[in-house]
Amino acid sequence: MQCGVLGGELVEEVDEAEEEEVKMVVGMGSYGGKVRVVTGDPWEEIMLLWGIQQPTLSKHNAFVHQSSLQLRLDACGRSLSILQSPSSLCGLAELLWCSQLVELGVLYVLGWISCSGFCPPCWVFVNRNVFKDKGTPGVTGAVMWDSGVVLGKFLEHAVESGMISLRGKKVVELGSGCGLVGCIAALLGAQVILTDLPDRLRLLKKNVEANLYGDVRGSATVNELIWGDQLDLELITPLPDYVIGSDVIYSEGAVMDLLATLIRLCEAQTTIFLAGELRNDAVLEYFLDSAMKEFNIGRVDQSQWHPDYCTPRVVIYVLVKK
């Protein structure tokens, strides 16, 4: 706490670090680590994230190479090999890291950038239905993003640190994509159901089969799931202990379907971990504003992440149903 003079009147100025500490709590749901509670106007959270972390100034794709056919990562005592399908992105995989998705009519402007440095910078336009249509093959789920690596290594670190326990717990992963996070959760002892859109399941099943061999503490199955649709009994009987997802907050058009699925999947004892890339402040604000009506939300402090897998371009939230 500091004192200052404003207009001849003595006022108290709250130190930013002290104010931040007031909003910190230890433990939310089944997670025992430190989180910053998100309350009030979600725009304050957005300003704090972009002001302190400054994601647009840091390196994108710090832990992944989306032009490669596979990603190798050491986790849980294994060397995981995650197959990718960069050709599914129609040459756009390296472009989607940009900090803003600006909606213009029926198009999204992805950015004025250069492709791998070999061609002149250009505006890149993608039909917004690629992002919004739940059933149309698009540019998601074919390659890994930093948020998936960060979340997977966070889960490993949290288990090793005693912040969470996954052994024997039911875990549902939303938007599993290439399957890295779900595979790590299974290796940590969870009974995992990895889910994604129908056209994503072939690659997902390949990665599960290739990496979960031999002596695995937990188990993994792959299910089709379209957000907003009726849930299969396997997903909700019983309801999961944990729901996890990486890079699932990417489009305003998908937010309400995502939230509808989360609400149906969860009870008060369910803990949700969502990791995401800080690209579009408007989409994240819309998600937080909508989610706060149903869930208590906390942002996991980066001091709780795996120390070798931290980046200011990613955020991890914990959600617990009210």
C-alpha atoms as a PDB file:
ATOM      1  CA  MET A   1       0.000   0.000   0.000  1.00  0.00           C
ATOM      2  CA  GLN A   2       1.291   3.482  -0.926  1.00  0.00           C
ATOM      3  CA  CYS A   3       0.035   6.995  -0.202  1.00  0.00           C
ATOM      4  CA  GLY A   4      -0.072   9.880  -2.629  1.00  0.00           C
ATOM      5  CA  VAL A   5      -1.502  13.350  -3.076  1.00  0.00           C
ATOM      6  CA  LEU A   6      -4.187  13.993  -5.671  1.00  0.00           C
ATOM      7  CA  GLY A   7      -5.561  17.530  -5.966  1.00  0.00           C
ATOM      8  CA  GLY A   8      -4.202  18.412  -2.524  1.00  0.00           C
ATOM      9  CA  GLU A   9      -6.032  15.455  -0.989  1.00  0.00           C
ATOM     10  CA  LEU A  10      -4.293  12.473   0.557  1.00  0.00           C
ATOM     11  CA  VAL A  11      -5.298   9.244  -1.172  1.00  0.00           C
ATOM     12  CA  GLU A  12      -4.222   5.635  -0.893  1.00  0.00           C
ATOM     13  CA  GLU A  13      -2.802   3.895  -3.929  1.00  0.00           C
ATOM     14  CA  VAL A  14      -3.083   0.131  -3.924  1.00  0.00           C
ATOM     15  CA  ASP A  15       0.058  -1.536  -5.156  1.00  0.00           C
ATOM     16  CA  GLU A  16      -0.742  -3.601  -8.264  1.00  0.00           C
ATOM     17  CA  ALA A  17       1.060  -6.663  -6.962  1.00  0.00           C
ATOM     18  CA  GLU A  18      -0.844  -6.406  -3.664  1.00  0.00           C
ATOM     19  CA  GLU A  19      -4.169  -6.047  -5.475  1.00  0.00           C
ATOM     20  CA  GLU A  20      -3.348  -9.031  -7.669  1.00  0.00           C
ATOM     21  CA  GLU A  21      -2.508 -11.127  -4.599  1.00  0.00           C
ATOM     22  CA  VAL A  22      -5.902 -10.326  -3.081  1.00  0.00           C
ATOM     23  CA  LYS A  23      -7.582 -11.965  -6.083  1.00  0.00           C
ATOM     24  CA  MET A  24      -5.402 -15.078  -5.818  1.00  0.00           C
ATOM     25  CA  VAL A  25      -6.782 -18.192  -4.163  1.00  0.00           C
ATOM     26  CA  VAL A  26      -5.307 -21.614  -3.587  1.00  0.00           C
ATOM     27  CA  GLY A  27      -7.488 -24.357  -4.950  1.00  0.00           C
ATOM     28  CA  MET A  28     -10.533 -24.459  -7.200  1.00  0.00           C
ATOM     29  CA  GLY A  29     -12.529 -27.622  -7.679  1.00  0.00           C
ATOM     30  CA  SER A  30     -10.168 -30.602  -7.561  1.00  0.00           C
ATOM     31  CA  TYR A  31      -7.166 -28.422  -8.429  1.00  0.00           C
ATOM     32  CA  GLY A  32      -4.989 -27.490  -5.456  1.00  0.00           C
ATOM     33  CA  GLY A  33      -2.763 -24.901  -7.123  1.00  0.00           C
ATOM     34  CA  LYS A  34      -2.814 -21.115  -7.187  1.00  0.00           C
ATOM     35  CA  VAL A  35      -5.410 -19.402  -9.390  1.00  0.00           C
ATOM     36  CA  ARG A  36      -6.502 -15.823  -9.977  1.00  0.00           C
ATOM     37  CA  VAL A  37     -10.279 -15.619  -9.636  1.00  0.00           C
ATOM     38  CA  VAL A  38     -11.999 -14.012 -12.634  1.00  0.00           C
ATOM     39  CA  THR A  39     -14.902 -11.855 -11.424  1.00  0.00           C
ATOM     40  CA  GLY A  40     -16.754  -8.738 -12.491  1.00  0.00           C
ATOM     41  CA  ASP A  41     -16.276  -7.316 -15.956  1.00  0.00           C
ATOM     42  CA  PRO A  42     -14.399  -9.834 -18.143  1.00  0.00           C
ATOM     43  CA  TRP A  43     -12.848  -6.913 -20.010  1.00  0.00           C
ATOM     44  CA  GLU A  44     -10.656  -6.309 -16.948  1.00  0.00           C
ATOM     45  CA  GLU A  45      -9.268  -9.839 -17.350  1.00  0.00           C
ATOM     46  CA  ILE A  46      -8.651  -9.205 -21.052  1.00  0.00           C
ATOM     47  CA  MET A  47      -6.827  -5.928 -20.376  1.00  0.00           C
ATOM     48  CA  LEU A  48      -4.744  -7.601 -17.682  1.00  0.00           C
ATOM     49  CA  LEU A  49      -3.755 -10.484 -19.948  1.00  0.00           C
ATOM     50  CA  TRP A  50      -2.855  -8.382 -22.962  1.00  0.00           C
ATOM     51  CA  GLY A  51      -1.213  -5.691 -20.822  1.00  0.00           C
ATOM     52  CA  ILE A  52       0.979  -7.947 -18.679  1.00  0.00           C
ATOM     53  CA  GLN A  53       1.647 -10.930 -20.948  1.00  0.00           C
ATOM     54  CA  GLN A  54       1.749  -8.949 -24.237  1.00  0.00           C
ATOM     55  CA  PRO A  55       1.180 -12.096 -26.318  1.00  0.00           C
ATOM     56  CA  THR A  56       1.581 -10.424 -29.698  1.00  0.00           C
ATOM     57  CA  LEU A  57       5.189  -9.516 -28.872  1.00  0.00           C
ATOM     58  CA  SER A  58       6.305 -13.043 -28.035  1.00  0.00           C
ATOM     59  CA  LYS A  59       7.297 -15.939 -30.255  1.00  0.00           C
ATOM     60  CA  HIS A  60       4.469 -17.929 -31.785  1.00  0.00           C
ATOM     61  CA  ASN A  61       4.667 -21.717 -32.055  1.00  0.00           C
ATOM     62  CA  ALA A  62       7.331 -21.978 -29.376  1.00  0.00           C
ATOM     63  CA  PHE A  63       6.797 -25.724 -28.909  1.00  0.00           C
ATOM     64  CA  VAL A  64       5.311 -26.927 -32.202  1.00  0.00           C
ATOM     65  CA  HIS A  65       6.171 -27.057 -35.906  1.00  0.00           C
ATOM     66  CA  GLN A  66       2.949 -27.213 -37.873  1.00  0.00           C
ATOM     67  CA  SER A  67       4.643 -27.885 -41.209  1.00  0.00           C
ATOM     68  CA  SER A  68       6.069 -31.168 -39.839  1.00  0.00           C
ATOM     69  CA  LEU A  69       4.330 -34.509 -40.208  1.00  0.00           C
ATOM     70  CA  GLN A  70       4.847 -35.328 -36.540  1.00  0.00           C
ATOM     71  CA  LEU A  71       5.561 -33.734 -33.185  1.00  0.00           C
ATOM     72  CA  ARG A  72       7.881 -35.471 -30.725  1.00  0.00           C
ATOM     73  CA  LEU A  73       7.528 -34.738 -27.029  1.00  0.00           C
ATOM     74  CA  ASP A  74       8.864 -36.402 -23.895  1.00  0.00           C
ATOM     75  CA  ALA A  75       6.125 -36.887 -21.308  1.00  0.00           C
ATOM     76  CA  CYS A  76       5.381 -39.347 -18.512  1.00  0.00           C
ATOM     77  CA  GLY A  77       8.613 -41.235 -19.102  1.00  0.00           C
ATOM     78  CA  ARG A  78       7.888 -41.796 -22.795  1.00  0.00           C
ATOM     79  CA  SER A  79       8.828 -40.224 -26.066  1.00  0.00           C
ATOM     80  CA  LEU A  80       5.489 -39.455 -27.671  1.00  0.00           C
ATOM     81  CA  SER A  81       5.177 -39.159 -31.431  1.00  0.00           C
ATOM     82  CA  ILE A  82       2.083 -37.238 -32.529  1.00  0.00           C
ATOM     83  CA  LEU A  83       1.190 -37.415 -36.206  1.00  0.00           C
ATOM     84  CA  GLN A  84       0.022 -34.189 -37.851  1.00  0.00           C
ATOM     85  CA  SER A  85      -1.717 -33.491 -41.147  1.00  0.00           C
ATOM     86  CA  PRO A  86      -0.417 -30.110 -42.304  1.00  0.00           C
ATOM     87  CA  SER A  87      -1.841 -30.673 -45.795  1.00  0.00           C
ATOM     88  CA  SER A  88      -5.330 -30.466 -44.256  1.00  0.00           C
ATOM     89  CA  LEU A  89      -4.726 -26.794 -43.625  1.00  0.00           C
ATOM     90  CA  CYS A  90      -4.501 -26.053 -47.349  1.00  0.00           C
ATOM     91  CA  GLY A  91      -1.223 -24.217 -46.775  1.00  0.00           C
ATOM     92  CA  LEU A  92      -2.637 -22.031 -44.005  1.00  0.00           C
ATOM     93  CA  ALA A  93      -1.245 -23.741 -40.906  1.00  0.00           C
ATOM     94  CA  GLU A  94       1.654 -21.349 -40.546  1.00  0.00           C
ATOM     95  CA  LEU A  95      -0.671 -18.360 -40.913  1.00  0.00           C
ATOM     96  CA  LEU A  96      -3.211 -19.069 -38.183  1.00  0.00           C
ATOM     97  CA  TRP A  97      -0.944 -18.001 -35.329  1.00  0.00           C
ATOM     98  CA  CYS A  98      -1.625 -14.320 -35.947  1.00  0.00           C
ATOM     99  CA  SER A  99      -2.912 -12.291 -33.030  1.00  0.00           C
ATOM    100  CA  GLN A 100      -6.231 -11.125 -34.432  1.00  0.00           C
ATOM    101  CA  LEU A 101      -9.052 -12.674 -36.442  1.00  0.00           C
ATOM    102  CA  VAL A 102     -10.985  -9.727 -37.807  1.00  0.00           C
ATOM    103  CA  GLU A 103     -14.450 -10.541 -39.100  1.00  0.00           C
ATOM    104  CA  LEU A 104     -15.284  -8.741 -42.329  1.00  0.00           C
ATOM    105  CA  GLY A 105     -18.581  -9.777 -43.876  1.00  0.00           C
ATOM    106  CA  VAL A 106     -18.283 -13.475 -44.720  1.00  0.00           C
ATOM    107  CA  LEU A 107     -14.497 -13.524 -44.457  1.00  0.00           C
ATOM    108  CA  TYR A 108     -11.894 -13.572 -41.711  1.00  0.00           C
ATOM    109  CA  VAL A 109      -8.746 -11.567 -42.372  1.00  0.00           C
ATOM    110  CA  LEU A 110      -5.931 -13.657 -40.945  1.00  0.00           C
ATOM    111  CA  GLY A 111      -3.153 -11.167 -41.327  1.00  0.00           C
ATOM    112  CA  TRP A 112      -0.588  -9.308 -43.367  1.00  0.00           C
ATOM    113  CA  ILE A 113       2.250 -11.770 -43.028  1.00  0.00           C
ATOM    114  CA  SER A 114       4.677 -13.807 -45.052  1.00  0.00           C
ATOM    115  CA  CYS A 115       4.534 -17.581 -45.575  1.00  0.00           C
ATOM    116  CA  SER A 116       7.769 -18.990 -44.142  1.00  0.00           C
ATOM    117  CA  GLY A 117       9.704 -16.046 -45.525  1.00  0.00           C
ATOM    118  CA  PHE A 118       9.706 -17.324 -49.115  1.00  0.00           C
ATOM    119  CA  CYS A 119       6.952 -15.200 -50.583  1.00  0.00           C
ATOM    120  CA  PRO A 120       5.879 -11.565 -50.278  1.00  0.00           C
ATOM    121  CA  PRO A 121       3.552 -10.592 -47.439  1.00  0.00           C
ATOM    122  CA  CYS A 122      -0.096 -10.723 -48.382  1.00  0.00           C
ATOM    123  CA  TRP A 123      -3.565 -10.520 -46.941  1.00  0.00           C
ATOM    124  CA  VAL A 124      -4.992 -13.976 -46.350  1.00  0.00           C
ATOM    125  CA  PHE A 125      -8.763 -14.488 -46.373  1.00  0.00           C
ATOM    126  CA  VAL A 126     -10.620 -17.560 -45.138  1.00  0.00           C
ATOM    127  CA  ASN A 127     -14.338 -18.130 -45.329  1.00  0.00           C
ATOM    128  CA  ARG A 128     -15.665 -17.806 -41.784  1.00  0.00           C
ATOM    129  CA  ASN A 129     -17.791 -20.950 -42.216  1.00  0.00           C
ATOM    130  CA  VAL A 130     -14.551 -22.920 -41.888  1.00  0.00           C
ATOM    131  CA  PHE A 131     -14.527 -21.820 -38.263  1.00  0.00           C
ATOM    132  CA  LYS A 132     -18.257 -21.772 -37.558  1.00  0.00           C
ATOM    133  CA  ASP A 133     -19.798 -24.799 -39.232  1.00  0.00           C
ATOM    134  CA  LYS A 134     -19.670 -27.660 -36.743  1.00  0.00           C
ATOM    135  CA  GLY A 135     -19.831 -30.373 -39.368  1.00  0.00           C
ATOM    136  CA  THR A 136     -17.595 -29.079 -42.139  1.00  0.00           C
ATOM    137  CA  PRO A 137     -13.943 -30.128 -42.327  1.00  0.00           C
ATOM    138  CA  GLY A 138     -11.837 -27.072 -41.576  1.00  0.00           C
ATOM    139  CA  VAL A 139      -8.474 -25.992 -40.325  1.00  0.00           C
ATOM    140  CA  THR A 140      -8.762 -27.160 -36.714  1.00  0.00           C
ATOM    141  CA  GLY A 141      -7.658 -30.482 -35.263  1.00  0.00           C
ATOM    142  CA  ALA A 142      -5.083 -31.356 -37.937  1.00  0.00           C
ATOM    143  CA  VAL A 143      -1.946 -29.973 -36.269  1.00  0.00           C
ATOM    144  CA  MET A 144      -0.726 -29.175 -32.777  1.00  0.00           C
ATOM    145  CA  TRP A 145      -0.766 -25.720 -31.223  1.00  0.00           C
ATOM    146  CA  ASP A 146       1.269 -24.466 -28.279  1.00  0.00           C
ATOM    147  CA  SER A 147      -1.771 -24.540 -25.993  1.00  0.00           C
ATOM    148  CA  GLY A 148      -2.021 -28.324 -26.346  1.00  0.00           C
ATOM    149  CA  VAL A 149       1.614 -28.883 -25.429  1.00  0.00           C
ATOM    150  CA  VAL A 150       1.344 -26.445 -22.513  1.00  0.00           C
ATOM    151  CA  LEU A 151      -1.815 -28.105 -21.160  1.00  0.00           C
ATOM    152  CA  GLY A 152      -0.409 -31.614 -21.484  1.00  0.00           C
ATOM    153  CA  LYS A 153       2.809 -30.733 -19.678  1.00  0.00           C
ATOM    154  CA  PHE A 154       0.827 -28.745 -17.096  1.00  0.00           C
ATOM    155  CA  LEU A 155      -1.206 -31.851 -16.263  1.00  0.00           C
ATOM    156  CA  GLU A 156       1.974 -33.902 -15.925  1.00  0.00           C
ATOM    157  CA  HIS A 157       3.564 -31.267 -13.679  1.00  0.00           C
ATOM    158  CA  ALA A 158       0.398 -30.846 -11.603  1.00  0.00           C
ATOM    159  CA  VAL A 159       0.190 -34.597 -10.937  1.00  0.00           C
ATOM    160  CA  GLU A 160       3.881 -34.786 -10.025  1.00  0.00           C
ATOM    161  CA  SER A 161       3.449 -31.768  -7.726  1.00  0.00           C
ATOM    162  CA  GLY A 162       0.393 -33.259  -6.015  1.00  0.00           C
ATOM    163  CA  MET A 163      -1.912 -30.478  -7.240  1.00  0.00           C
ATOM    164  CA  ILE A 164      -4.286 -32.946  -8.900  1.00  0.00           C
ATOM    165  CA  SER A 165      -4.772 -36.695  -9.036  1.00  0.00           C
ATOM    166  CA  LEU A 166      -5.848 -38.357 -12.287  1.00  0.00           C
ATOM    167  CA  ARG A 167      -5.396 -42.016 -11.376  1.00  0.00           C
ATOM    168  CA  GLY A 168      -8.715 -43.786 -11.904  1.00  0.00           C
ATOM    169  CA  LYS A 169     -10.526 -40.540 -12.720  1.00  0.00           C
ATOM    170  CA  LYS A 170     -12.882 -40.162 -15.656  1.00  0.00           C
ATOM    171  CA  VAL A 171     -11.670 -37.456 -18.045  1.00  0.00           C
ATOM    172  CA  VAL A 172     -13.450 -36.165 -21.156  1.00  0.00           C
ATOM    173  CA  GLU A 173     -11.386 -34.161 -23.612  1.00  0.00           C
ATOM    174  CA  LEU A 174     -13.160 -31.761 -25.963  1.00  0.00           C
ATOM    175  CA  GLY A 175     -11.694 -30.934 -29.354  1.00  0.00           C
ATOM    176  CA  SER A 176      -8.954 -33.530 -28.944  1.00  0.00           C
ATOM    177  CA  GLY A 177      -7.458 -32.850 -32.374  1.00  0.00           C
ATOM    178  CA  CYS A 178      -4.218 -34.816 -32.629  1.00  0.00           C
ATOM    179  CA  GLY A 179      -4.758 -36.332 -29.179  1.00  0.00           C
ATOM    180  CA  LEU A 180      -1.630 -35.284 -27.276  1.00  0.00           C
ATOM    181  CA  VAL A 181      -3.357 -34.008 -24.133  1.00  0.00           C
ATOM    182  CA  GLY A 182      -5.680 -36.997 -23.845  1.00  0.00           C
ATOM    183  CA  CYS A 183      -2.765 -39.407 -24.298  1.00  0.00           C
ATOM    184  CA  ILE A 184      -0.832 -37.690 -21.499  1.00  0.00           C
ATOM    185  CA  ALA A 185      -3.881 -37.848 -19.224  1.00  0.00           C
ATOM    186  CA  ALA A 186      -4.181 -41.606 -19.888  1.00  0.00           C
ATOM    187  CA  LEU A 187      -0.492 -42.116 -19.123  1.00  0.00           C
ATOM    188  CA  LEU A 188      -1.110 -40.297 -15.836  1.00  0.00           C
ATOM    189  CA  GLY A 189      -3.738 -42.886 -14.913  1.00  0.00           C
ATOM    190  CA  ALA A 190      -7.003 -41.360 -16.125  1.00  0.00           C
ATOM    191  CA  GLN A 191      -9.821 -43.144 -17.944  1.00  0.00           C
ATOM    192  CA  VAL A 192      -9.972 -40.766 -20.899  1.00  0.00           C
ATOM    193  CA  ILE A 193     -12.592 -40.276 -23.596  1.00  0.00           C
ATOM    194  CA  LEU A 194     -11.106 -38.187 -26.411  1.00  0.00           C
ATOM    195  CA  THR A 195     -13.719 -36.457 -28.584  1.00  0.00           C
ATOM    196  CA  ASP A 196     -13.803 -34.474 -31.801  1.00  0.00           C
ATOM    197  CA  LEU A 197     -15.747 -33.988 -35.029  1.00  0.00           C
ATOM    198  CA  PRO A 198     -16.305 -37.029 -37.272  1.00  0.00           C
ATOM    199  CA  ASP A 199     -13.715 -36.044 -39.887  1.00  0.00           C
ATOM    200  CA  ARG A 200     -11.013 -35.625 -37.184  1.00  0.00           C
ATOM    201  CA  LEU A 201     -11.314 -39.115 -35.694  1.00  0.00           C
ATOM    202  CA  ARG A 202      -9.075 -41.057 -38.081  1.00  0.00           C
ATOM    203  CA  LEU A 203      -5.914 -39.114 -37.196  1.00  0.00           C
ATOM    204  CA  LEU A 204      -6.935 -39.032 -33.546  1.00  0.00           C
ATOM    205  CA  LYS A 205      -7.312 -42.823 -33.363  1.00  0.00           C
ATOM    206  CA  LYS A 206      -3.940 -43.322 -35.061  1.00  0.00           C
ATOM    207  CA  ASN A 207      -2.184 -41.215 -32.445  1.00  0.00           C
ATOM    208  CA  VAL A 208      -3.919 -42.917 -29.540  1.00  0.00           C
ATOM    209  CA  GLU A 209      -2.985 -46.372 -30.852  1.00  0.00           C
ATOM    210  CA  ALA A 210       0.608 -45.350 -31.634  1.00  0.00           C
ATOM    211  CA  ASN A 211       1.354 -43.811 -28.228  1.00  0.00           C
ATOM    212  CA  LEU A 212      -0.682 -45.782 -25.706  1.00  0.00           C
ATOM    213  CA  TYR A 213       0.967 -49.185 -25.919  1.00  0.00           C
ATOM    214  CA  GLY A 214       2.282 -51.609 -23.336  1.00  0.00           C
ATOM    215  CA  ASP A 215       1.929 -50.754 -19.658  1.00  0.00           C
ATOM    216  CA  VAL A 216      -0.391 -47.739 -19.491  1.00  0.00           C
ATOM    217  CA  ARG A 217      -1.755 -46.612 -16.106  1.00  0.00           C
ATOM    218  CA  GLY A 218      -5.071 -45.473 -17.534  1.00  0.00           C
ATOM    219  CA  SER A 219      -7.043 -46.008 -20.720  1.00  0.00           C
ATOM    220  CA  ALA A 220      -8.291 -44.071 -23.741  1.00  0.00           C
ATOM    221  CA  THR A 221     -11.218 -44.359 -26.113  1.00  0.00           C
ATOM    222  CA  VAL A 222     -12.208 -42.089 -29.002  1.00  0.00           C
ATOM    223  CA  ASN A 223     -15.756 -40.795 -29.505  1.00  0.00           C
ATOM    224  CA  GLU A 224     -17.439 -38.498 -31.978  1.00  0.00           C
ATOM    225  CA  LEU A 225     -18.839 -35.341 -30.400  1.00  0.00           C
ATOM    226  CA  ILE A 226     -20.381 -32.282 -32.014  1.00  0.00           C
ATOM    227  CA  TRP A 227     -20.719 -29.464 -29.486  1.00  0.00           C
ATOM    228  CA  GLY A 228     -24.307 -28.551 -28.725  1.00  0.00           C
ATOM    229  CA  ASP A 229     -25.670 -31.954 -29.768  1.00  0.00           C
ATOM    230  CA  GLN A 230     -27.093 -34.621 -27.473  1.00  0.00           C
ATOM    231  CA  LEU A 231     -24.398 -36.368 -25.459  1.00  0.00           C
ATOM    232  CA  ASP A 232     -23.814 -40.116 -25.635  1.00  0.00           C
ATOM    233  CA  LEU A 233     -24.491 -42.005 -22.405  1.00  0.00           C
ATOM    234  CA  GLU A 234     -20.839 -43.057 -22.284  1.00  0.00           C
ATOM    235  CA  LEU A 235     -19.857 -39.423 -21.777  1.00  0.00           C
ATOM    236  CA  ILE A 236     -22.273 -38.652 -18.938  1.00  0.00           C
ATOM    237  CA  THR A 237     -22.769 -41.990 -17.149  1.00  0.00           C
ATOM    238  CA  PRO A 238     -21.203 -41.250 -14.806  1.00  0.00           C
ATOM    239  CA  LEU A 239     -20.376 -37.576 -15.277  1.00  0.00           C
ATOM    240  CA  PRO A 240     -16.631 -36.975 -15.636  1.00  0.00           C
ATOM    241  CA  ASP A 241     -14.303 -35.928 -12.825  1.00  0.00           C
ATOM    242  CA  TYR A 242     -12.420 -33.686 -15.252  1.00  0.00           C
ATOM    243  CA  VAL A 243     -13.113 -32.045 -18.598  1.00  0.00           C
ATOM    244  CA  ILE A 244     -10.100 -30.787 -20.532  1.00  0.00           C
ATOM    245  CA  GLY A 245      -9.616 -28.902 -23.779  1.00  0.00           C
ATOM    246  CA  SER A 246      -6.960 -26.918 -25.612  1.00  0.00           C
ATOM    247  CA  ASP A 247      -7.553 -24.220 -28.212  1.00  0.00           C
ATOM    248  CA  VAL A 248     -11.317 -24.712 -28.052  1.00  0.00           C
ATOM    249  CA  ILE A 249     -12.128 -20.997 -27.641  1.00  0.00           C
ATOM    250  CA  TYR A 250     -11.470 -19.827 -31.176  1.00  0.00           C
ATOM    251  CA  SER A 251     -14.741 -18.531 -32.642  1.00  0.00           C
ATOM    252  CA  GLU A 252     -17.703 -16.554 -31.333  1.00  0.00           C
ATOM    253  CA  GLY A 253     -19.940 -18.834 -33.374  1.00  0.00           C
ATOM    254  CA  ALA A 254     -18.775 -21.890 -31.411  1.00  0.00           C
ATOM    255  CA  VAL A 255     -18.868 -20.393 -27.896  1.00  0.00           C
ATOM    256  CA  MET A 256     -22.502 -21.127 -27.036  1.00  0.00           C
ATOM    257  CA  ASP A 257     -22.324 -24.705 -28.326  1.00  0.00           C
ATOM    258  CA  LEU A 258     -19.127 -25.245 -26.328  1.00  0.00           C
ATOM    259  CA  LEU A 259     -20.767 -23.886 -23.178  1.00  0.00           C
ATOM    260  CA  ALA A 260     -23.909 -25.967 -23.709  1.00  0.00           C
ATOM    261  CA  THR A 261     -21.724 -29.074 -23.880  1.00  0.00           C
ATOM    262  CA  LEU A 262     -19.745 -28.093 -20.788  1.00  0.00           C
ATOM    263  CA  ILE A 263     -22.936 -27.495 -18.802  1.00  0.00           C
ATOM    264  CA  ARG A 264     -24.329 -30.925 -19.748  1.00  0.00           C
ATOM    265  CA  LEU A 265     -21.036 -32.682 -19.021  1.00  0.00           C
ATOM    266  CA  CYS A 266     -20.427 -31.190 -15.606  1.00  0.00           C
ATOM    267  CA  GLU A 267     -21.687 -31.326 -12.069  1.00  0.00           C
ATOM    268  CA  ALA A 268     -20.412 -29.339  -9.097  1.00  0.00           C
ATOM    269  CA  GLN A 269     -17.649 -31.908  -8.514  1.00  0.00           C
ATOM    270  CA  THR A 270     -16.320 -31.703 -12.082  1.00  0.00           C
ATOM    271  CA  THR A 271     -13.185 -29.638 -12.683  1.00  0.00           C
ATOM    272  CA  ILE A 272     -12.564 -28.149 -16.131  1.00  0.00           C
ATOM    273  CA  PHE A 273      -9.154 -27.177 -17.512  1.00  0.00           C
ATOM    274  CA  LEU A 274      -9.152 -25.097 -20.705  1.00  0.00           C
ATOM    275  CA  ALA A 275      -5.963 -23.818 -22.336  1.00  0.00           C
ATOM    276  CA  GLY A 276      -6.002 -21.404 -25.218  1.00  0.00           C
ATOM    277  CA  GLU A 277      -3.876 -19.238 -27.462  1.00  0.00           C
ATOM    278  CA  LEU A 278      -4.262 -15.509 -26.887  1.00  0.00           C
ATOM    279  CA  ARG A 279      -5.241 -14.485 -30.417  1.00  0.00           C
ATOM    280  CA  ASN A 280      -8.576 -12.729 -30.302  1.00  0.00           C
ATOM    281  CA  ASP A 281      -9.543 -10.664 -27.267  1.00  0.00           C
ATOM    282  CA  ALA A 282     -13.176 -10.299 -28.409  1.00  0.00           C
ATOM    283  CA  VAL A 283     -13.764 -14.071 -28.588  1.00  0.00           C
ATOM    284  CA  LEU A 284     -12.178 -14.671 -25.186  1.00  0.00           C
ATOM    285  CA  GLU A 285     -14.173 -11.829 -23.623  1.00  0.00           C
ATOM    286  CA  TYR A 286     -17.397 -13.260 -25.083  1.00  0.00           C
ATOM    287  CA  PHE A 287     -16.583 -16.708 -23.711  1.00  0.00           C
ATOM    288  CA  LEU A 288     -15.735 -15.426 -20.218  1.00  0.00           C
ATOM    289  CA  ASP A 289     -18.814 -13.200 -20.073  1.00  0.00           C
ATOM    290  CA  SER A 290     -21.053 -16.124 -21.061  1.00  0.00           C
ATOM    291  CA  ALA A 291     -19.297 -18.745 -18.932  1.00  0.00           C
ATOM    292  CA  MET A 292     -19.342 -16.653 -15.748  1.00  0.00           C
ATOM    293  CA  LYS A 293     -23.130 -17.059 -15.599  1.00  0.00           C
ATOM    294  CA  GLU A 294     -22.744 -20.816 -15.000  1.00  0.00           C
ATOM    295  CA  PHE A 295     -19.193 -21.333 -13.736  1.00  0.00           C
ATOM    296  CA  ASN A 296     -16.691 -20.012 -11.238  1.00  0.00           C
ATOM    297  CA  ILE A 297     -13.531 -19.275 -13.222  1.00  0.00           C
ATOM    298  CA  GLY A 298      -9.907 -19.008 -12.202  1.00  0.00           C
ATOM    299  CA  ARG A 299      -6.771 -18.386 -14.254  1.00  0.00           C
ATOM    300  CA  VAL A 300      -3.912 -20.721 -13.373  1.00  0.00           C
ATOM    301  CA  ASP A 301      -0.849 -18.750 -12.332  1.00  0.00           C
ATOM    302  CA  GLN A 302       2.097 -19.447 -14.645  1.00  0.00           C
ATOM    303  CA  SER A 303       4.231 -20.316 -11.627  1.00  0.00           C
ATOM    304  CA  GLN A 304       2.109 -23.500 -11.444  1.00  0.00           C
ATOM    305  CA  TRP A 305       2.859 -24.557 -15.043  1.00  0.00           C
ATOM    306  CA  HIS A 306       5.629 -26.904 -16.107  1.00  0.00           C
ATOM    307  CA  PRO A 307       8.697 -24.656 -15.859  1.00  0.00           C
ATOM    308  CA  ASP A 308       9.991 -25.655 -19.305  1.00  0.00           C
ATOM    309  CA  TYR A 309       6.648 -25.090 -21.036  1.00  0.00           C
ATOM    310  CA  CYS A 310       5.573 -21.530 -20.334  1.00  0.00           C
ATOM    311  CA  THR A 311       4.672 -18.907 -22.924  1.00  0.00           C
ATOM    312  CA  PRO A 312       2.839 -15.567 -22.658  1.00  0.00           C
ATOM    313  CA  ARG A 313       0.808 -16.524 -25.719  1.00  0.00           C
ATOM    314  CA  VAL A 314      -1.175 -19.158 -23.785  1.00  0.00           C
ATOM    315  CA  VAL A 315      -3.593 -18.997 -20.850  1.00  0.00           C
ATOM    316  CA  ILE A 316      -5.001 -21.830 -18.706  1.00  0.00           C
ATOM    317  CA  TYR A 317      -8.381 -21.494 -16.964  1.00  0.00           C
ATOM    318  CA  VAL A 318     -10.030 -23.651 -14.331  1.00  0.00           C
ATOM    319  CA  LEU A 319     -13.840 -23.744 -14.319  1.00  0.00           C
ATOM    320  CA  VAL A 320     -16.164 -25.217 -11.710  1.00  0.00           C
ATOM    321  CA  LYS A 321     -19.955 -25.228 -11.989  1.00  0.00           C
ATOM    322  CA  LYS A 322     -21.773 -22.900  -9.596  1.00  0.00           C
END
